[in-house]
Amino acid sequence: MNIDASGCETSVQYSIVIDDSALEDYPNIHFKIIDLDTNVEMNESSTSGIMYLNDTNKTKNLKLVLEWDNEAEYDESDTSLIDQTLQFNVNANFKQYLGD
């Protein structure tokens, strides 16, 4: 996911949230977000930040990763997903940031 706020004439606050509620019964399946600009892995399904008006780089490059651990103890729940669809929503929210 690439966020480009270079055309904005204001500071921009952003929030990216992956709704992983469909995974409640599948502890071996999870999301993480990697900030490709800093190579920082966030082992959560959300991230947020601010791109300030005076920043020289007003872009953010994020990678959304789905990890599915293949562990024997979850074989039964994994088998129940054959030919099934797990649906996820990714919400991206942006707003003008005026400071604290």
PDB file of N, CA and C in Angstrom:
ATOM      1  N   MET A   1       0.862  -1.157   0.000  1.00  0.00           N
ATOM      2  CA  MET A   1       0.000   0.000   0.000  1.00  0.00           C
ATOM      3  C   MET A   1       0.912   1.224   0.000  1.00  0.00           C
ATOM      4  N   ASN A   2       0.716   2.075  -0.962  1.00  0.00           N
ATOM      5  CA  ASN A   2       1.498   3.306  -1.049  1.00  0.00           C
ATOM      6  C   ASN A   2       0.598   4.492  -0.754  1.00  0.00           C
ATOM      7  N   ILE A   3       1.012   5.298   0.183  1.00  0.00           N
ATOM      8  CA  ILE A   3       0.293   6.527   0.515  1.00  0.00           C
ATOM      9  C   ILE A   3       1.143   7.688   0.014  1.00  0.00           C
ATOM     10  N   ASP A   4       0.573   8.516  -0.821  1.00  0.00           N
ATOM     11  CA  ASP A   4       1.302   9.663  -1.372  1.00  0.00           C
ATOM     12  C   ASP A   4       0.513  10.930  -1.069  1.00  0.00           C
ATOM     13  N   ALA A   5       1.018  11.701  -0.113  1.00  0.00           N
ATOM     14  CA  ALA A   5       0.366  12.952   0.274  1.00  0.00           C
ATOM     15  C   ALA A   5       1.133  14.162  -0.244  1.00  0.00           C
ATOM     16  N   SER A   6       1.984  13.941  -1.255  1.00  0.00           N
ATOM     17  CA  SER A   6       2.824  15.033  -1.760  1.00  0.00           C
ATOM     18  C   SER A   6       2.002  16.149  -2.399  1.00  0.00           C
ATOM     19  N   GLY A   7       0.787  15.862  -2.830  1.00  0.00           N
ATOM     20  CA  GLY A   7      -0.053  16.895  -3.414  1.00  0.00           C
ATOM     21  C   GLY A   7      -0.895  17.652  -2.394  1.00  0.00           C
ATOM     22  N   CYS A   8      -0.747  17.309  -1.115  1.00  0.00           N
ATOM     23  CA  CYS A   8      -1.535  17.967  -0.065  1.00  0.00           C
ATOM     24  C   CYS A   8      -0.823  19.226   0.430  1.00  0.00           C
ATOM     25  N   GLU A   9      -1.589  20.254   0.629  1.00  0.00           N
ATOM     26  CA  GLU A   9      -1.029  21.511   1.129  1.00  0.00           C
ATOM     27  C   GLU A   9      -1.317  21.679   2.610  1.00  0.00           C
ATOM     28  N   THR A  10      -1.342  20.563   3.317  1.00  0.00           N
ATOM     29  CA  THR A  10      -1.581  20.541   4.752  1.00  0.00           C
ATOM     30  C   THR A  10      -0.913  19.287   5.311  1.00  0.00           C
ATOM     31  N   SER A  11      -0.802  19.203   6.607  1.00  0.00           N
ATOM     32  CA  SER A  11      -0.351  17.965   7.230  1.00  0.00           C
ATOM     33  C   SER A  11      -1.489  16.960   7.172  1.00  0.00           C
ATOM     34  N   VAL A  12      -1.133  15.675   7.056  1.00  0.00           N
ATOM     35  CA  VAL A  12      -2.142  14.623   6.911  1.00  0.00           C
ATOM     36  C   VAL A  12      -1.907  13.551   7.959  1.00  0.00           C
ATOM     37  N   GLN A  13      -2.966  13.219   8.683  1.00  0.00           N
ATOM     38  CA  GLN A  13      -2.918  12.120   9.646  1.00  0.00           C
ATOM     39  C   GLN A  13      -3.577  10.915   8.987  1.00  0.00           C
ATOM     40  N   TYR A  14      -2.938   9.741   9.124  1.00  0.00           N
ATOM     41  CA  TYR A  14      -3.490   8.541   8.504  1.00  0.00           C
ATOM     42  C   TYR A  14      -3.587   7.416   9.527  1.00  0.00           C
ATOM     43  N   SER A  15      -4.502   6.506   9.255  1.00  0.00           N
ATOM     44  CA  SER A  15      -4.690   5.311  10.072  1.00  0.00           C
ATOM     45  C   SER A  15      -5.092   4.170   9.145  1.00  0.00           C
ATOM     46  N   ILE A  16      -4.360   3.056   9.229  1.00  0.00           N
ATOM     47  CA  ILE A  16      -4.664   1.871   8.439  1.00  0.00           C
ATOM     48  C   ILE A  16      -5.017   0.761   9.422  1.00  0.00           C
ATOM     49  N   VAL A  17      -6.191   0.171   9.274  1.00  0.00           N
ATOM     50  CA  VAL A  17      -6.647  -0.879  10.185  1.00  0.00           C
ATOM     51  C   VAL A  17      -7.157  -2.063   9.364  1.00  0.00           C
ATOM     52  N   ILE A  18      -6.607  -3.246   9.664  1.00  0.00           N
ATOM     53  CA  ILE A  18      -7.094  -4.479   9.048  1.00  0.00           C
ATOM     54  C   ILE A  18      -8.057  -5.121  10.041  1.00  0.00           C
ATOM     55  N   ASP A  19      -9.286  -5.302   9.624  1.00  0.00           N
ATOM     56  CA  ASP A  19     -10.278  -5.959  10.482  1.00  0.00           C
ATOM     57  C   ASP A  19     -10.035  -7.457  10.411  1.00  0.00           C
ATOM     58  N   ASP A  20      -9.392  -7.990  11.438  1.00  0.00           N
ATOM     59  CA  ASP A  20      -9.066  -9.409  11.440  1.00  0.00           C
ATOM     60  C   ASP A  20      -9.996 -10.218  12.343  1.00  0.00           C
ATOM     61  N   SER A  21     -11.196  -9.719  12.554  1.00  0.00           N
ATOM     62  CA  SER A  21     -12.146 -10.416  13.427  1.00  0.00           C
ATOM     63  C   SER A  21     -12.538 -11.790  12.862  1.00  0.00           C
ATOM     64  N   ALA A  22     -12.432 -11.980  11.550  1.00  0.00           N
ATOM     65  CA  ALA A  22     -12.741 -13.284  10.957  1.00  0.00           C
ATOM     66  C   ALA A  22     -11.733 -14.349  11.368  1.00  0.00           C
ATOM     67  N   LEU A  23     -10.636 -13.931  11.970  1.00  0.00           N
ATOM     68  CA  LEU A  23      -9.574 -14.866  12.359  1.00  0.00           C
ATOM     69  C   LEU A  23      -9.660 -15.305  13.818  1.00  0.00           C
ATOM     70  N   GLU A  24     -10.679 -14.899  14.528  1.00  0.00           N
ATOM     71  CA  GLU A  24     -10.780 -15.210  15.960  1.00  0.00           C
ATOM     72  C   GLU A  24     -10.676 -16.702  16.244  1.00  0.00           C
ATOM     73  N   ASP A  25     -11.181 -17.540  15.359  1.00  0.00           N
ATOM     74  CA  ASP A  25     -11.148 -18.990  15.561  1.00  0.00           C
ATOM     75  C   ASP A  25      -9.910 -19.642  14.947  1.00  0.00           C
ATOM     76  N   TYR A  26      -9.005 -18.838  14.407  1.00  0.00           N
ATOM     77  CA  TYR A  26      -7.824 -19.361  13.717  1.00  0.00           C
ATOM     78  C   TYR A  26      -6.560 -18.661  14.240  1.00  0.00           C
ATOM     79  N   PRO A  27      -6.059 -19.068  15.396  1.00  0.00           N
ATOM     80  CA  PRO A  27      -4.903 -18.380  15.989  1.00  0.00           C
ATOM     81  C   PRO A  27      -3.610 -18.540  15.192  1.00  0.00           C
ATOM     82  N   ASN A  28      -3.591 -19.429  14.223  1.00  0.00           N
ATOM     83  CA  ASN A  28      -2.390 -19.621  13.412  1.00  0.00           C
ATOM     84  C   ASN A  28      -2.392 -18.755  12.142  1.00  0.00           C
ATOM     85  N   ILE A  29      -3.436 -17.959  11.967  1.00  0.00           N
ATOM     86  CA  ILE A  29      -3.517 -17.050  10.821  1.00  0.00           C
ATOM     87  C   ILE A  29      -3.549 -15.623  11.375  1.00  0.00           C
ATOM     88  N   HIS A  30      -2.663 -14.785  10.878  1.00  0.00           N
ATOM     89  CA  HIS A  30      -2.633 -13.414  11.391  1.00  0.00           C
ATOM     90  C   HIS A  30      -2.007 -12.475  10.362  1.00  0.00           C
ATOM     91  N   PHE A  31      -2.228 -11.206  10.589  1.00  0.00           N
ATOM     92  CA  PHE A  31      -1.682 -10.156   9.741  1.00  0.00           C
ATOM     93  C   PHE A  31      -0.550  -9.447  10.463  1.00  0.00           C
ATOM     94  N   LYS A  32       0.316  -8.860   9.671  1.00  0.00           N
ATOM     95  CA  LYS A  32       1.276  -7.902  10.186  1.00  0.00           C
ATOM     96  C   LYS A  32       1.483  -6.864   9.096  1.00  0.00           C
ATOM     97  N   ILE A  33       1.963  -5.731   9.503  1.00  0.00           N
ATOM     98  CA  ILE A  33       2.233  -4.639   8.572  1.00  0.00           C
ATOM     99  C   ILE A  33       3.721  -4.335   8.639  1.00  0.00           C
ATOM    100  N   ILE A  34       4.337  -4.197   7.478  1.00  0.00           N
ATOM    101  CA  ILE A  34       5.748  -3.847   7.416  1.00  0.00           C
ATOM    102  C   ILE A  34       5.871  -2.466   6.792  1.00  0.00           C
ATOM    103  N   ASP A  35       6.568  -1.575   7.483  1.00  0.00           N
ATOM    104  CA  ASP A  35       6.873  -0.255   6.935  1.00  0.00           C
ATOM    105  C   ASP A  35       8.085  -0.426   6.033  1.00  0.00           C
ATOM    106  N   LEU A  36       7.887  -0.371   4.734  1.00  0.00           N
ATOM    107  CA  LEU A  36       8.975  -0.612   3.784  1.00  0.00           C
ATOM    108  C   LEU A  36       9.999   0.518   3.758  1.00  0.00           C
ATOM    109  N   ASP A  37       9.622   1.689   4.280  1.00  0.00           N
ATOM    110  CA  ASP A  37      10.563   2.813   4.319  1.00  0.00           C
ATOM    111  C   ASP A  37      11.610   2.631   5.415  1.00  0.00           C
ATOM    112  N   THR A  38      11.212   1.975   6.506  1.00  0.00           N
ATOM    113  CA  THR A  38      12.115   1.813   7.651  1.00  0.00           C
ATOM    114  C   THR A  38      12.448   0.353   7.940  1.00  0.00           C
ATOM    115  N   ASN A  39      11.808  -0.574   7.209  1.00  0.00           N
ATOM    116  CA  ASN A  39      11.945  -2.021   7.439  1.00  0.00           C
ATOM    117  C   ASN A  39      11.523  -2.434   8.845  1.00  0.00           C
ATOM    118  N   VAL A  40      10.583  -1.719   9.410  1.00  0.00           N
ATOM    119  CA  VAL A  40      10.058  -2.040  10.737  1.00  0.00           C
ATOM    120  C   VAL A  40       8.816  -2.896  10.573  1.00  0.00           C
ATOM    121  N   GLU A  41       8.804  -4.055  11.251  1.00  0.00           N
ATOM    122  CA  GLU A  41       7.642  -4.931  11.251  1.00  0.00           C
ATOM    123  C   GLU A  41       6.766  -4.608  12.441  1.00  0.00           C
ATOM    124  N   MET A  42       5.489  -4.407  12.179  1.00  0.00           N
ATOM    125  CA  MET A  42       4.523  -4.190  13.245  1.00  0.00           C
ATOM    126  C   MET A  42       3.678  -5.449  13.321  1.00  0.00           C
ATOM    127  N   ASN A  43       3.788  -6.191  14.391  1.00  0.00           N
ATOM    128  CA  ASN A  43       3.059  -7.455  14.518  1.00  0.00           C
ATOM    129  C   ASN A  43       1.636  -7.211  14.989  1.00  0.00           C
ATOM    130  N   GLU A  44       1.045  -6.218  14.444  1.00  0.00           N
ATOM    131  CA  GLU A  44      -0.333  -5.857  14.736  1.00  0.00           C
ATOM    132  C   GLU A  44      -1.035  -5.632  13.408  1.00  0.00           C
ATOM    133  N   SER A  45      -2.311  -5.472  13.470  1.00  0.00           N
ATOM    134  CA  SER A  45      -3.067  -5.279  12.236  1.00  0.00           C
ATOM    135  C   SER A  45      -3.490  -3.824  12.035  1.00  0.00           C
ATOM    136  N   SER A  46      -2.696  -2.895  12.595  1.00  0.00           N
ATOM    137  CA  SER A  46      -2.989  -1.483  12.378  1.00  0.00           C
ATOM    138  C   SER A  46      -1.720  -0.652  12.500  1.00  0.00           C
ATOM    139  N   THR A  47      -1.766   0.503  11.894  1.00  0.00           N
ATOM    140  CA  THR A  47      -0.680   1.469  12.009  1.00  0.00           C
ATOM    141  C   THR A  47      -1.258   2.858  11.763  1.00  0.00           C
ATOM    142  N   SER A  48      -0.581   3.867  12.252  1.00  0.00           N
ATOM    143  CA  SER A  48      -1.030   5.240  12.038  1.00  0.00           C
ATOM    144  C   SER A  48       0.175   6.161  12.090  1.00  0.00           C
ATOM    145  N   GLY A  49      -0.011   7.359  11.601  1.00  0.00           N
ATOM    146  CA  GLY A  49       1.065   8.329  11.623  1.00  0.00           C
ATOM    147  C   GLY A  49       0.620   9.654  11.061  1.00  0.00           C
ATOM    148  N   ILE A  50       1.581  10.565  10.974  1.00  0.00           N
ATOM    149  CA  ILE A  50       1.326  11.915  10.470  1.00  0.00           C
ATOM    150  C   ILE A  50       2.386  12.248   9.435  1.00  0.00           C
ATOM    151  N   MET A  51       1.960  12.785   8.325  1.00  0.00           N
ATOM    152  CA  MET A  51       2.869  13.349   7.338  1.00  0.00           C
ATOM    153  C   MET A  51       2.724  14.865   7.447  1.00  0.00           C
ATOM    154  N   TYR A  52       3.759  15.495   7.955  1.00  0.00           N
ATOM    155  CA  TYR A  52       3.699  16.926   8.228  1.00  0.00           C
ATOM    156  C   TYR A  52       3.880  17.747   6.950  1.00  0.00           C
ATOM    157  N   LEU A  53       3.312  18.931   6.953  1.00  0.00           N
ATOM    158  CA  LEU A  53       3.354  19.830   5.807  1.00  0.00           C
ATOM    159  C   LEU A  53       4.784  20.071   5.347  1.00  0.00           C
ATOM    160  N   ASN A  54       5.713  20.226   6.270  1.00  0.00           N
ATOM    161  CA  ASN A  54       7.091  20.555   5.919  1.00  0.00           C
ATOM    162  C   ASN A  54       7.983  19.338   5.694  1.00  0.00           C
ATOM    163  N   ASP A  55       7.437  18.132   5.790  1.00  0.00           N
ATOM    164  CA  ASP A  55       8.231  16.938   5.515  1.00  0.00           C
ATOM    165  C   ASP A  55       8.703  16.958   4.062  1.00  0.00           C
ATOM    166  N   THR A  56       9.953  16.570   3.851  1.00  0.00           N
ATOM    167  CA  THR A  56      10.457  16.514   2.473  1.00  0.00           C
ATOM    168  C   THR A  56       9.925  15.293   1.743  1.00  0.00           C
ATOM    169  N   ASN A  57       9.589  14.239   2.484  1.00  0.00           N
ATOM    170  CA  ASN A  57       9.027  13.033   1.883  1.00  0.00           C
ATOM    171  C   ASN A  57       7.639  12.805   2.473  1.00  0.00           C
ATOM    172  N   LYS A  58       6.620  13.039   1.675  1.00  0.00           N
ATOM    173  CA  LYS A  58       5.246  12.846   2.152  1.00  0.00           C
ATOM    174  C   LYS A  58       4.638  11.594   1.528  1.00  0.00           C
ATOM    175  N   THR A  59       5.449  10.515   1.532  1.00  0.00           N
ATOM    176  CA  THR A  59       4.955   9.228   1.068  1.00  0.00           C
ATOM    177  C   THR A  59       5.224   8.183   2.140  1.00  0.00           C
ATOM    178  N   LYS A  60       4.428   7.150   2.141  1.00  0.00           N
ATOM    179  CA  LYS A  60       4.587   6.029   3.077  1.00  0.00           C
ATOM    180  C   LYS A  60       4.308   4.759   2.282  1.00  0.00           C
ATOM    181  N   ASN A  61       5.222   3.799   2.411  1.00  0.00           N
ATOM    182  CA  ASN A  61       5.094   2.524   1.707  1.00  0.00           C
ATOM    183  C   ASN A  61       4.941   1.412   2.732  1.00  0.00           C
ATOM    184  N   LEU A  62       3.779   0.776   2.718  1.00  0.00           N
ATOM    185  CA  LEU A  62       3.459  -0.274   3.678  1.00  0.00           C
ATOM    186  C   LEU A  62       3.173  -1.574   2.947  1.00  0.00           C
ATOM    187  N   LYS A  63       3.558  -2.669   3.566  1.00  0.00           N
ATOM    188  CA  LYS A  63       3.262  -3.992   3.031  1.00  0.00           C
ATOM    189  C   LYS A  63       2.351  -4.698   4.029  1.00  0.00           C
ATOM    190  N   LEU A  64       1.199  -5.150   3.570  1.00  0.00           N
ATOM    191  CA  LEU A  64       0.260  -5.891   4.397  1.00  0.00           C
ATOM    192  C   LEU A  64       0.525  -7.375   4.171  1.00  0.00           C
ATOM    193  N   VAL A  65       0.839  -8.096   5.241  1.00  0.00           N
ATOM    194  CA  VAL A  65       1.257  -9.488   5.128  1.00  0.00           C
ATOM    195  C   VAL A  65       0.271 -10.388   5.866  1.00  0.00           C
ATOM    196  N   LEU A  66      -0.197 -11.429   5.170  1.00  0.00           N
ATOM    197  CA  LEU A  66      -1.011 -12.466   5.788  1.00  0.00           C
ATOM    198  C   LEU A  66      -0.092 -13.652   6.060  1.00  0.00           C
ATOM    199  N   GLU A  67      -0.012 -14.074   7.312  1.00  0.00           N
ATOM    200  CA  GLU A  67       0.813 -15.226   7.682  1.00  0.00           C
ATOM    201  C   GLU A  67      -0.090 -16.357   8.141  1.00  0.00           C
ATOM    202  N   TRP A  68       0.172 -17.532   7.609  1.00  0.00           N
ATOM    203  CA  TRP A  68      -0.619 -18.719   7.929  1.00  0.00           C
ATOM    204  C   TRP A  68       0.362 -19.787   8.376  1.00  0.00           C
ATOM    205  N   ASP A  69       0.471 -19.983   9.675  1.00  0.00           N
ATOM    206  CA  ASP A  69       1.401 -20.957  10.236  1.00  0.00           C
ATOM    207  C   ASP A  69       0.842 -22.360  10.061  1.00  0.00           C
ATOM    208  N   ASN A  70       1.618 -23.224   9.448  1.00  0.00           N
ATOM    209  CA  ASN A  70       1.198 -24.602   9.193  1.00  0.00           C
ATOM    210  C   ASN A  70       1.661 -25.476  10.354  1.00  0.00           C
ATOM    211  N   GLU A  71       0.818 -25.545  11.377  1.00  0.00           N
ATOM    212  CA  GLU A  71       1.146 -26.325  12.564  1.00  0.00           C
ATOM    213  C   GLU A  71       0.108 -27.432  12.737  1.00  0.00           C
ATOM    214  N   ALA A  72       0.585 -28.620  13.099  1.00  0.00           N
ATOM    215  CA  ALA A  72      -0.286 -29.799  13.199  1.00  0.00           C
ATOM    216  C   ALA A  72      -1.465 -29.580  14.134  1.00  0.00           C
ATOM    217  N   GLU A  73      -1.274 -28.836  15.200  1.00  0.00           N
ATOM    218  CA  GLU A  73      -2.357 -28.645  16.165  1.00  0.00           C
ATOM    219  C   GLU A  73      -3.541 -27.876  15.575  1.00  0.00           C
ATOM    220  N   TYR A  74      -3.349 -27.214  14.417  1.00  0.00           N
ATOM    221  CA  TYR A  74      -4.436 -26.462  13.781  1.00  0.00           C
ATOM    222  C   TYR A  74      -4.947 -27.124  12.513  1.00  0.00           C
ATOM    223  N   ASP A  75      -4.547 -28.378  12.267  1.00  0.00           N
ATOM    224  CA  ASP A  75      -4.971 -29.058  11.042  1.00  0.00           C
ATOM    225  C   ASP A  75      -6.486 -29.125  10.900  1.00  0.00           C
ATOM    226  N   GLU A  76      -7.194 -29.390  11.987  1.00  0.00           N
ATOM    227  CA  GLU A  76      -8.644 -29.503  11.907  1.00  0.00           C
ATOM    228  C   GLU A  76      -9.286 -28.176  11.505  1.00  0.00           C
ATOM    229  N   SER A  77      -8.863 -27.092  12.136  1.00  0.00           N
ATOM    230  CA  SER A  77      -9.455 -25.789  11.789  1.00  0.00           C
ATOM    231  C   SER A  77      -9.035 -25.355  10.385  1.00  0.00           C
ATOM    232  N   ASP A  78      -7.794 -25.682   9.988  1.00  0.00           N
ATOM    233  CA  ASP A  78      -7.358 -25.354   8.630  1.00  0.00           C
ATOM    234  C   ASP A  78      -8.179 -26.116   7.594  1.00  0.00           C
ATOM    235  N   THR A  79      -8.451 -27.392   7.874  1.00  0.00           N
ATOM    236  CA  THR A  79      -9.229 -28.220   6.948  1.00  0.00           C
ATOM    237  C   THR A  79     -10.637 -27.661   6.777  1.00  0.00           C
ATOM    238  N   SER A  80     -11.186 -27.071   7.821  1.00  0.00           N
ATOM    239  CA  SER A  80     -12.536 -26.510   7.722  1.00  0.00           C
ATOM    240  C   SER A  80     -12.598 -25.324   6.759  1.00  0.00           C
ATOM    241  N   LEU A  81     -11.450 -24.779   6.384  1.00  0.00           N
ATOM    242  CA  LEU A  81     -11.423 -23.623   5.485  1.00  0.00           C
ATOM    243  C   LEU A  81     -11.289 -23.999   4.009  1.00  0.00           C
ATOM    244  N   ILE A  82     -11.150 -25.297   3.720  1.00  0.00           N
ATOM    245  CA  ILE A  82     -11.029 -25.706   2.325  1.00  0.00           C
ATOM    246  C   ILE A  82     -12.283 -25.277   1.574  1.00  0.00           C
ATOM    247  N   ASP A  83     -12.082 -24.599   0.457  1.00  0.00           N
ATOM    248  CA  ASP A  83     -13.154 -24.078  -0.399  1.00  0.00           C
ATOM    249  C   ASP A  83     -14.016 -23.023   0.298  1.00  0.00           C
ATOM    250  N   GLN A  84     -13.531 -22.469   1.377  1.00  0.00           N
ATOM    251  CA  GLN A  84     -14.238 -21.393   2.081  1.00  0.00           C
ATOM    252  C   GLN A  84     -13.499 -20.074   1.847  1.00  0.00           C
ATOM    253  N   THR A  85     -14.186 -18.995   2.085  1.00  0.00           N
ATOM    254  CA  THR A  85     -13.599 -17.671   1.923  1.00  0.00           C
ATOM    255  C   THR A  85     -13.562 -16.961   3.262  1.00  0.00           C
ATOM    256  N   LEU A  86     -12.410 -16.434   3.594  1.00  0.00           N
ATOM    257  CA  LEU A  86     -12.285 -15.546   4.748  1.00  0.00           C
ATOM    258  C   LEU A  86     -12.245 -14.121   4.206  1.00  0.00           C
ATOM    259  N   GLN A  87     -13.134 -13.287   4.676  1.00  0.00           N
ATOM    260  CA  GLN A  87     -13.204 -11.925   4.174  1.00  0.00           C
ATOM    261  C   GLN A  87     -12.607 -10.965   5.193  1.00  0.00           C
ATOM    262  N   PHE A  88     -11.793 -10.036   4.706  1.00  0.00           N
ATOM    263  CA  PHE A  88     -11.167  -9.025   5.555  1.00  0.00           C
ATOM    264  C   PHE A  88     -11.417  -7.655   4.964  1.00  0.00           C
ATOM    265  N   ASN A  89     -11.609  -6.702   5.826  1.00  0.00           N
ATOM    266  CA  ASN A  89     -11.727  -5.316   5.400  1.00  0.00           C
ATOM    267  C   ASN A  89     -10.484  -4.567   5.847  1.00  0.00           C
ATOM    268  N   VAL A  90      -9.959  -3.762   4.943  1.00  0.00           N
ATOM    269  CA  VAL A  90      -8.842  -2.878   5.269  1.00  0.00           C
ATOM    270  C   VAL A  90      -9.384  -1.462   5.193  1.00  0.00           C
ATOM    271  N   ASN A  91      -9.320  -0.763   6.317  1.00  0.00           N
ATOM    272  CA  ASN A  91      -9.826   0.604   6.378  1.00  0.00           C
ATOM    273  C   ASN A  91      -8.654   1.575   6.398  1.00  0.00           C
ATOM    274  N   ALA A  92      -8.688   2.520   5.479  1.00  0.00           N
ATOM    275  CA  ALA A  92      -7.685   3.579   5.422  1.00  0.00           C
ATOM    276  C   ALA A  92      -8.404   4.892   5.693  1.00  0.00           C
ATOM    277  N   ASN A  93      -8.004   5.568   6.757  1.00  0.00           N
ATOM    278  CA  ASN A  93      -8.624   6.830   7.139  1.00  0.00           C
ATOM    279  C   ASN A  93      -7.593   7.947   7.080  1.00  0.00           C
ATOM    280  N   PHE A  94      -7.996   9.066   6.521  1.00  0.00           N
ATOM    281  CA  PHE A  94      -7.113  10.222   6.383  1.00  0.00           C
ATOM    282  C   PHE A  94      -7.859  11.460   6.847  1.00  0.00           C
ATOM    283  N   LYS A  95      -7.119  12.374   7.481  1.00  0.00           N
ATOM    284  CA  LYS A  95      -7.720  13.659   7.831  1.00  0.00           C
ATOM    285  C   LYS A  95      -6.640  14.720   7.924  1.00  0.00           C
ATOM    286  N   GLN A  96      -7.088  15.942   7.770  1.00  0.00           N
ATOM    287  CA  GLN A  96      -6.178  17.079   7.898  1.00  0.00           C
ATOM    288  C   GLN A  96      -5.704  17.145   9.345  1.00  0.00           C
ATOM    289  N   TYR A  97      -4.408  17.323   9.531  1.00  0.00           N
ATOM    290  CA  TYR A  97      -3.846  17.398  10.871  1.00  0.00           C
ATOM    291  C   TYR A  97      -3.456  18.835  11.156  1.00  0.00           C
ATOM    292  N   LEU A  98      -4.023  19.383  12.234  1.00  0.00           N
ATOM    293  CA  LEU A  98      -3.763  20.780  12.595  1.00  0.00           C
ATOM    294  C   LEU A  98      -2.874  20.920  13.818  1.00  0.00           C
ATOM    295  N   GLY A  99      -2.400  19.825  14.353  1.00  0.00           N
ATOM    296  CA  GLY A  99      -1.532  19.864  15.541  1.00  0.00           C
ATOM    297  C   GLY A  99      -2.295  19.522  16.790  1.00  0.00           C
ATOM    298  N   ASP A 100      -1.537  19.422  17.874  1.00  0.00           N
ATOM    299  CA  ASP A 100      -2.138  19.052  19.168  1.00  0.00           C
ATOM    300  C   ASP A 100      -2.757  20.234  19.851  1.00  0.00           C
TER     301      ASP A 100
END
